[in-house]
C-alpha atoms as a PDB file:
ATOM      1  CA  UNK A   1       8.266   6.866 -11.638  1.00  0.00           C
ATOM      2  CA  UNK A   2      10.778   4.089 -12.136  1.00  0.00           C
ATOM      3  CA  UNK A   3      12.133   3.558  -8.637  1.00  0.00           C
ATOM      4  CA  UNK A   4      11.951   4.392  -4.938  1.00  0.00           C
ATOM      5  CA  UNK A   5      15.288   4.557  -3.130  1.00  0.00           C
ATOM      6  CA  UNK A   6      15.802   4.296   0.625  1.00  0.00           C
ATOM      7  CA  UNK A   7      19.045   5.615   2.051  1.00  0.00           C
ATOM      8  CA  UNK A   8      19.734   4.590   5.642  1.00  0.00           C
ATOM      9  CA  UNK A   9      16.275   5.507   6.956  1.00  0.00           C
ATOM     10  CA  UNK A  10      15.579   5.052  10.655  1.00  0.00           C
ATOM     11  CA  UNK A  11      12.269   6.252  12.155  1.00  0.00           C
ATOM     12  CA  UNK A  12      12.748   8.451  15.216  1.00  0.00           C
ATOM     13  CA  UNK A  13      10.390   6.326  17.420  1.00  0.00           C
ATOM     14  CA  UNK A  14      12.431   3.190  16.626  1.00  0.00           C
ATOM     15  CA  UNK A  15      15.935   4.611  17.085  1.00  0.00           C
ATOM     16  CA  UNK A  16      16.418   3.405  20.659  1.00  0.00           C
ATOM     17  CA  UNK A  17      14.862   0.001  19.942  1.00  0.00           C
ATOM     18  CA  UNK A  18      17.074  -0.572  16.896  1.00  0.00           C
ATOM     19  CA  UNK A  19      20.175   0.609  18.740  1.00  0.00           C
ATOM     20  CA  UNK A  20      19.530  -1.840  21.593  1.00  0.00           C
ATOM     21  CA  UNK A  21      19.129  -4.902  19.368  1.00  0.00           C
ATOM     22  CA  UNK A  22      21.403  -7.742  20.347  1.00  0.00           C
ATOM     23  CA  UNK A  23      23.867  -9.253  17.899  1.00  0.00           C
ATOM     24  CA  UNK A  24      21.922 -12.521  17.993  1.00  0.00           C
ATOM     25  CA  UNK A  25      18.742 -10.809  16.771  1.00  0.00           C
ATOM     26  CA  UNK A  26      17.838 -10.549  13.097  1.00  0.00           C
ATOM     27  CA  UNK A  27      19.052  -7.369  11.407  1.00  0.00           C
ATOM     28  CA  UNK A  28      16.494  -5.341   9.476  1.00  0.00           C
ATOM     29  CA  UNK A  29      16.914  -5.335   5.698  1.00  0.00           C
ATOM     30  CA  UNK A  30      15.061  -1.988   5.547  1.00  0.00           C
ATOM     31  CA  UNK A  31      15.913   0.191   8.544  1.00  0.00           C
ATOM     32  CA  UNK A  32      19.404   1.612   8.288  1.00  0.00           C
ATOM     33  CA  UNK A  33      19.986   0.031   4.883  1.00  0.00           C
ATOM     34  CA  UNK A  34      20.160   1.209   1.272  1.00  0.00           C
ATOM     35  CA  UNK A  35      17.271  -0.348  -0.640  1.00  0.00           C
ATOM     36  CA  UNK A  36      15.853   0.260  -4.111  1.00  0.00           C
ATOM     37  CA  UNK A  37      12.340  -0.684  -5.192  1.00  0.00           C
ATOM     38  CA  UNK A  38      11.902  -0.866  -8.967  1.00  0.00           C
ATOM     39  CA  UNK A  39       8.755  -0.359 -10.994  1.00  0.00           C
ATOM     40  CA  UNK A  40       7.273  -3.596 -12.304  1.00  0.00           C
ATOM     41  CA  UNK A  41       8.556  -5.772  -9.443  1.00  0.00           C
ATOM     42  CA  UNK A  42       6.743  -7.257  -6.452  1.00  0.00           C
ATOM     43  CA  UNK A  43       8.172  -6.784  -2.957  1.00  0.00           C
ATOM     44  CA  UNK A  44       7.135  -8.159   0.398  1.00  0.00           C
ATOM     45  CA  UNK A  45       8.287  -6.414   3.571  1.00  0.00           C
ATOM     46  CA  UNK A  46       7.579  -8.695   6.508  1.00  0.00           C
ATOM     47  CA  UNK A  47       7.859  -8.573  10.281  1.00  0.00           C
ATOM     48  CA  UNK A  48       5.909  -9.498  13.420  1.00  0.00           C
ATOM     49  CA  UNK A  49       3.342  -7.018  14.690  1.00  0.00           C
ATOM     50  CA  UNK A  50       4.695  -3.832  16.216  1.00  0.00           C
ATOM     51  CA  UNK A  51       7.897  -3.631  14.183  1.00  0.00           C
ATOM     52  CA  UNK A  52       6.960  -0.552  12.151  1.00  0.00           C
ATOM     53  CA  UNK A  53       5.215  -1.919   9.035  1.00  0.00           C
ATOM     54  CA  UNK A  54       2.647   0.884   8.957  1.00  0.00           C
ATOM     55  CA  UNK A  55       5.354   3.447   9.723  1.00  0.00           C
ATOM     56  CA  UNK A  56       7.279   2.125   6.708  1.00  0.00           C
ATOM     57  CA  UNK A  57       4.255   2.543   4.392  1.00  0.00           C
ATOM     58  CA  UNK A  58       3.534   6.024   5.773  1.00  0.00           C
ATOM     59  CA  UNK A  59       7.137   7.061   5.114  1.00  0.00           C
ATOM     60  CA  UNK A  60       6.980   5.857   1.505  1.00  0.00           C
ATOM     61  CA  UNK A  61       3.682   7.686   1.023  1.00  0.00           C
ATOM     62  CA  UNK A  62       5.136  10.896   2.412  1.00  0.00           C
ATOM     63  CA  UNK A  63       2.834  11.339   5.389  1.00  0.00           C
ATOM     64  CA  UNK A  64       5.596  10.736   7.957  1.00  0.00           C
ATOM     65  CA  UNK A  65       8.844  12.670   7.954  1.00  0.00           C
ATOM     66  CA  UNK A  66      10.098  11.828  11.451  1.00  0.00           C
ATOM     67  CA  UNK A  67      13.042   9.743  10.276  1.00  0.00           C
ATOM     68  CA  UNK A  68      16.738  10.126   9.584  1.00  0.00           C
ATOM     69  CA  UNK A  69      18.206   9.196   6.211  1.00  0.00           C
ATOM     70  CA  UNK A  70      16.314   9.832   2.991  1.00  0.00           C
ATOM     71  CA  UNK A  71      13.671   8.446   0.657  1.00  0.00           C
ATOM     72  CA  UNK A  72      14.175   9.426  -2.970  1.00  0.00           C
ATOM     73  CA  UNK A  73      11.584   9.332  -5.722  1.00  0.00           C
ATOM     74  CA  UNK A  74      13.400   9.538  -9.046  1.00  0.00           C
ATOM     75  CA  UNK A  75      16.317  11.113  -7.181  1.00  0.00           C
ATOM     76  CA  UNK A  76      14.194  13.704  -5.372  1.00  0.00           C
ATOM     77  CA  UNK A  77      14.264  13.649  -1.569  1.00  0.00           C
ATOM     78  CA  UNK A  78      10.678  13.221  -0.367  1.00  0.00           C
ATOM     79  CA  UNK A  79      11.215  15.737   2.437  1.00  0.00           C
ATOM     80  CA  UNK A  80      11.833  18.441  -0.164  1.00  0.00           C
ATOM     81  CA  UNK A  81       8.736  17.659  -2.243  1.00  0.00           C
ATOM     82  CA  UNK A  82       6.114  20.435  -1.862  1.00  0.00           C
ATOM     83  CA  UNK A  83       2.559  19.485  -0.889  1.00  0.00           C
ATOM     84  CA  UNK A  84       1.115  20.303  -4.322  1.00  0.00           C
ATOM     85  CA  UNK A  85       3.577  17.916  -5.992  1.00  0.00           C
ATOM     86  CA  UNK A  86       2.840  15.250  -3.382  1.00  0.00           C
ATOM     87  CA  UNK A  87      -0.864  15.539  -4.212  1.00  0.00           C
ATOM     88  CA  UNK A  88      -0.044  14.871  -7.860  1.00  0.00           C
ATOM     89  CA  UNK A  89       2.192  11.926  -6.984  1.00  0.00           C
ATOM     90  CA  UNK A  90      -0.562  10.379  -4.853  1.00  0.00           C
ATOM     91  CA  UNK A  91      -3.100  10.909  -7.605  1.00  0.00           C
ATOM     92  CA  UNK A  92      -1.080   9.544 -10.514  1.00  0.00           C
ATOM     93  CA  UNK A  93       1.997   7.607  -9.396  1.00  0.00           C
ATOM     94  CA  UNK A  94       1.589   6.036  -5.958  1.00  0.00           C
ATOM     95  CA  UNK A  95      -1.577   4.397  -4.631  1.00  0.00           C
ATOM     96  CA  UNK A  96      -2.084   2.927  -1.178  1.00  0.00           C
ATOM     97  CA  UNK A  97      -4.211   0.633   0.966  1.00  0.00           C
ATOM     98  CA  UNK A  98      -3.708   1.675   4.580  1.00  0.00           C
ATOM     99  CA  UNK A  99      -3.955  -0.904   7.342  1.00  0.00           C
ATOM    100  CA  UNK A 100      -6.729   1.157   8.949  1.00  0.00           C
ATOM    101  CA  UNK A 101      -8.287   1.598   5.461  1.00  0.00           C
ATOM    102  CA  UNK A 102      -9.287   5.268   5.946  1.00  0.00           C
ATOM    103  CA  UNK A 103     -12.712   4.902   4.393  1.00  0.00           C
ATOM    104  CA  UNK A 104     -15.437   7.440   5.140  1.00  0.00           C
ATOM    105  CA  UNK A 105     -17.690   5.516   7.529  1.00  0.00           C
ATOM    106  CA  UNK A 106     -20.721   7.773   7.004  1.00  0.00           C
ATOM    107  CA  UNK A 107     -20.622   7.246   3.214  1.00  0.00           C
ATOM    108  CA  UNK A 108     -21.709   4.185   1.280  1.00  0.00           C
ATOM    109  CA  UNK A 109     -19.137   1.904  -0.283  1.00  0.00           C
ATOM    110  CA  UNK A 110     -20.084   3.324  -3.693  1.00  0.00           C
ATOM    111  CA  UNK A 111     -19.649   6.894  -2.445  1.00  0.00           C
ATOM    112  CA  UNK A 112     -16.222   5.996  -1.063  1.00  0.00           C
ATOM    113  CA  UNK A 113     -15.241   4.759  -4.520  1.00  0.00           C
ATOM    114  CA  UNK A 114     -16.796   7.828  -6.127  1.00  0.00           C
ATOM    115  CA  UNK A 115     -14.461  10.096  -4.152  1.00  0.00           C
ATOM    116  CA  UNK A 116     -11.556   8.416  -5.958  1.00  0.00           C
ATOM    117  CA  UNK A 117     -13.393   8.241  -9.303  1.00  0.00           C
ATOM    118  CA  UNK A 118     -14.017  12.000  -9.249  1.00  0.00           C
ATOM    119  CA  UNK A 119     -10.253  12.591  -9.437  1.00  0.00           C
ATOM    120  CA  UNK A 120      -9.840  10.572 -12.646  1.00  0.00           C
ATOM    121  CA  UNK A 121     -10.028  11.951 -16.156  1.00  0.00           C
ATOM    122  CA  UNK A 122     -11.890   8.927 -17.559  1.00  0.00           C
ATOM    123  CA  UNK A 123     -15.143   7.479 -16.242  1.00  0.00           C
ATOM    124  CA  UNK A 124     -14.125   4.363 -14.306  1.00  0.00           C
ATOM    125  CA  UNK A 125     -17.576   3.614 -12.834  1.00  0.00           C
ATOM    126  CA  UNK A 126     -18.099   0.439 -14.861  1.00  0.00           C
ATOM    127  CA  UNK A 127     -14.602  -0.744 -14.007  1.00  0.00           C
ATOM    128  CA  UNK A 128     -15.304  -0.186 -10.303  1.00  0.00           C
ATOM    129  CA  UNK A 129     -18.481  -2.261 -10.514  1.00  0.00           C
ATOM    130  CA  UNK A 130     -16.663  -5.061 -12.337  1.00  0.00           C
ATOM    131  CA  UNK A 131     -14.001  -5.133  -9.611  1.00  0.00           C
ATOM    132  CA  UNK A 132     -16.696  -5.259  -6.932  1.00  0.00           C
ATOM    133  CA  UNK A 133     -18.284  -8.227  -8.714  1.00  0.00           C
ATOM    134  CA  UNK A 134     -14.949 -10.042  -8.897  1.00  0.00           C
ATOM    135  CA  UNK A 135     -14.457  -9.546  -5.159  1.00  0.00           C
ATOM    136  CA  UNK A 136     -18.033 -10.570  -4.345  1.00  0.00           C
ATOM    137  CA  UNK A 137     -19.212  -7.264  -2.897  1.00  0.00           C
ATOM    138  CA  UNK A 138     -21.220  -5.687  -5.745  1.00  0.00           C
ATOM    139  CA  UNK A 139     -24.451  -6.092  -3.748  1.00  0.00           C
ATOM    140  CA  UNK A 140     -22.964  -4.129  -0.854  1.00  0.00           C
ATOM    141  CA  UNK A 141     -22.072  -0.946  -2.713  1.00  0.00           C
ATOM    142  CA  UNK A 142     -25.121   0.968  -1.494  1.00  0.00           C
ATOM    143  CA  UNK A 143     -24.467   0.155   2.166  1.00  0.00           C
ATOM    144  CA  UNK A 144     -22.674   2.561   4.474  1.00  0.00           C
ATOM    145  CA  UNK A 145     -19.189   1.280   5.156  1.00  0.00           C
ATOM    146  CA  UNK A 146     -19.779   1.410   8.932  1.00  0.00           C
ATOM    147  CA  UNK A 147     -22.300  -1.414   8.432  1.00  0.00           C
ATOM    148  CA  UNK A 148     -19.860  -3.626   6.528  1.00  0.00           C
ATOM    149  CA  UNK A 149     -17.563  -6.217   8.062  1.00  0.00           C
ATOM    150  CA  UNK A 150     -13.869  -5.364   8.210  1.00  0.00           C
ATOM    151  CA  UNK A 151     -13.111  -7.859   5.449  1.00  0.00           C
ATOM    152  CA  UNK A 152     -15.726  -6.233   3.213  1.00  0.00           C
ATOM    153  CA  UNK A 153     -14.212  -2.841   3.933  1.00  0.00           C
ATOM    154  CA  UNK A 154     -10.762  -4.175   3.045  1.00  0.00           C
ATOM    155  CA  UNK A 155     -12.065  -5.194  -0.378  1.00  0.00           C
ATOM    156  CA  UNK A 156     -13.564  -1.737  -0.915  1.00  0.00           C
ATOM    157  CA  UNK A 157     -10.224  -0.148   0.033  1.00  0.00           C
ATOM    158  CA  UNK A 158      -8.382  -2.403  -2.417  1.00  0.00           C
ATOM    159  CA  UNK A 159     -10.768  -1.481  -5.243  1.00  0.00           C
ATOM    160  CA  UNK A 160     -10.415   2.209  -4.402  1.00  0.00           C
ATOM    161  CA  UNK A 161      -6.624   1.970  -4.633  1.00  0.00           C
ATOM    162  CA  UNK A 162      -6.775   0.165  -7.972  1.00  0.00           C
ATOM    163  CA  UNK A 163      -9.043   2.726  -9.630  1.00  0.00           C
ATOM    164  CA  UNK A 164      -6.326   5.346 -10.044  1.00  0.00           C
ATOM    165  CA  UNK A 165      -3.179   5.348 -12.203  1.00  0.00           C
ATOM    166  CA  UNK A 166      -0.048   4.248 -10.339  1.00  0.00           C
ATOM    167  CA  UNK A 167       3.546   3.161 -10.831  1.00  0.00           C
ATOM    168  CA  UNK A 168       3.738   1.743  -7.306  1.00  0.00           C
ATOM    169  CA  UNK A 169       0.997   0.239  -5.174  1.00  0.00           C
ATOM    170  CA  UNK A 170       1.583   0.255  -1.400  1.00  0.00           C
ATOM    171  CA  UNK A 171      -0.338  -2.351   0.611  1.00  0.00           C
ATOM    172  CA  UNK A 172      -0.253  -2.442   4.402  1.00  0.00           C
ATOM    173  CA  UNK A 173      -1.383  -5.916   5.539  1.00  0.00           C
ATOM    174  CA  UNK A 174      -4.351  -5.744   3.131  1.00  0.00           C
ATOM    175  CA  UNK A 175      -5.655  -9.311   3.674  1.00  0.00           C
ATOM    176  CA  UNK A 176      -5.723  -9.519   7.478  1.00  0.00           C
ATOM    177  CA  UNK A 177      -9.503 -10.081   7.654  1.00  0.00           C
ATOM    178  CA  UNK A 178     -10.024 -12.092   4.450  1.00  0.00           C
ATOM    179  CA  UNK A 179     -10.374 -15.851   4.103  1.00  0.00           C
ATOM    180  CA  UNK A 180      -8.206 -17.790   1.651  1.00  0.00           C
ATOM    181  CA  UNK A 181     -10.765 -17.696  -1.180  1.00  0.00           C
ATOM    182  CA  UNK A 182     -11.186 -13.922  -0.982  1.00  0.00           C
ATOM    183  CA  UNK A 183      -7.441 -13.401  -0.565  1.00  0.00           C
ATOM    184  CA  UNK A 184      -6.820 -15.186  -3.850  1.00  0.00           C
ATOM    185  CA  UNK A 185      -9.535 -13.147  -5.598  1.00  0.00           C
ATOM    186  CA  UNK A 186      -7.961  -9.924  -4.316  1.00  0.00           C
ATOM    187  CA  UNK A 187      -4.453 -11.037  -5.295  1.00  0.00           C
ATOM    188  CA  UNK A 188      -5.610 -11.875  -8.825  1.00  0.00           C
ATOM    189  CA  UNK A 189      -7.172  -8.404  -9.151  1.00  0.00           C
ATOM    190  CA  UNK A 190      -4.047  -6.681  -7.782  1.00  0.00           C
ATOM    191  CA  UNK A 191      -1.643  -8.605 -10.028  1.00  0.00           C
ATOM    192  CA  UNK A 192      -3.850  -7.963 -13.048  1.00  0.00           C
ATOM    193  CA  UNK A 193      -3.940  -4.207 -12.336  1.00  0.00           C
ATOM    194  CA  UNK A 194      -0.176  -4.039 -11.764  1.00  0.00           C
ATOM    195  CA  UNK A 195       0.564  -5.985 -14.937  1.00  0.00           C
ATOM    196  CA  UNK A 196      -1.689  -3.701 -16.978  1.00  0.00           C
ATOM    197  CA  UNK A 197       0.126  -0.632 -15.656  1.00  0.00           C
ATOM    198  CA  UNK A 198       3.570  -2.314 -15.616  1.00  0.00           C
ATOM    199  CA  UNK A 199       3.565  -1.185 -11.990  1.00  0.00           C
ATOM    200  CA  UNK A 200       5.285  -2.570  -8.925  1.00  0.00           C
ATOM    201  CA  UNK A 201       3.785  -3.215  -5.543  1.00  0.00           C
ATOM    202  CA  UNK A 202       5.183  -3.226  -2.045  1.00  0.00           C
ATOM    203  CA  UNK A 203       3.207  -5.167   0.542  1.00  0.00           C
ATOM    204  CA  UNK A 204       3.759  -5.463   4.263  1.00  0.00           C
ATOM    205  CA  UNK A 205       2.741  -8.689   5.968  1.00  0.00           C
ATOM    206  CA  UNK A 206       3.599 -11.151   8.705  1.00  0.00           C
ATOM    207  CA  UNK A 207       5.533 -13.162   6.124  1.00  0.00           C
ATOM    208  CA  UNK A 208       3.009 -15.400   4.366  1.00  0.00           C
ATOM    209  CA  UNK A 209       3.717 -15.846   0.661  1.00  0.00           C
ATOM    210  CA  UNK A 210       0.059 -15.790  -0.460  1.00  0.00           C
ATOM    211  CA  UNK A 211       1.110 -17.712  -3.580  1.00  0.00           C
ATOM    212  CA  UNK A 212       2.708 -14.572  -5.039  1.00  0.00           C
ATOM    213  CA  UNK A 213       5.993 -14.710  -6.930  1.00  0.00           C
ATOM    214  CA  UNK A 214       8.016 -12.104  -5.046  1.00  0.00           C
ATOM    215  CA  UNK A 215      11.063 -10.554  -6.694  1.00  0.00           C
ATOM    216  CA  UNK A 216      12.332  -9.777  -3.196  1.00  0.00           C
ATOM    217  CA  UNK A 217      11.287 -10.422   0.405  1.00  0.00           C
ATOM    218  CA  UNK A 218      12.770  -8.071   2.978  1.00  0.00           C
ATOM    219  CA  UNK A 219      12.760  -8.375   6.753  1.00  0.00           C
ATOM    220  CA  UNK A 220      11.782  -5.122   8.446  1.00  0.00           C
END
């Protein structure tokens, strides 16, 4: 997948809010606009809390369809993509770290990673352990995720997303509970994975740069 194209998308829950914006207020560079995200480039989509960052990620990932306009993957409208094809896209072309992480709380961190590893053709177990070491959580892999801190869970979710093939990585405020040292470790791992795959990533945030060289920053 070489690009993701947005054509005048406006989420239904935000229609009235967007319509009532005053002329003096900042205009979104995403909602109601035509935007193209290209493979191999890094994008930050930023906004204060409550402006639809998670909704934006969910729309790109195809789990929300309550919007006007269209999202096109390689020219194909996401609303017309059948569920079986979406499953393939999510397994091989688009990976995600949700803001709420969506880990299985009753499974260990290792078991959460194993769910993703089981979908891959090659054995990535050693790679997963190496990533956990780089992020300082290798000793926590046998703990249930419900016993981990939120920052530790965020690092598990990041590793899980990086274990699969992808052309685009979607990150929804992935560093909210990490300190600066662990943020930089996670960023290094993400950039390394994206460079290896020649992939792009789209990250939502409050607007901090995180020391990343962004090809484009867009106000939501």
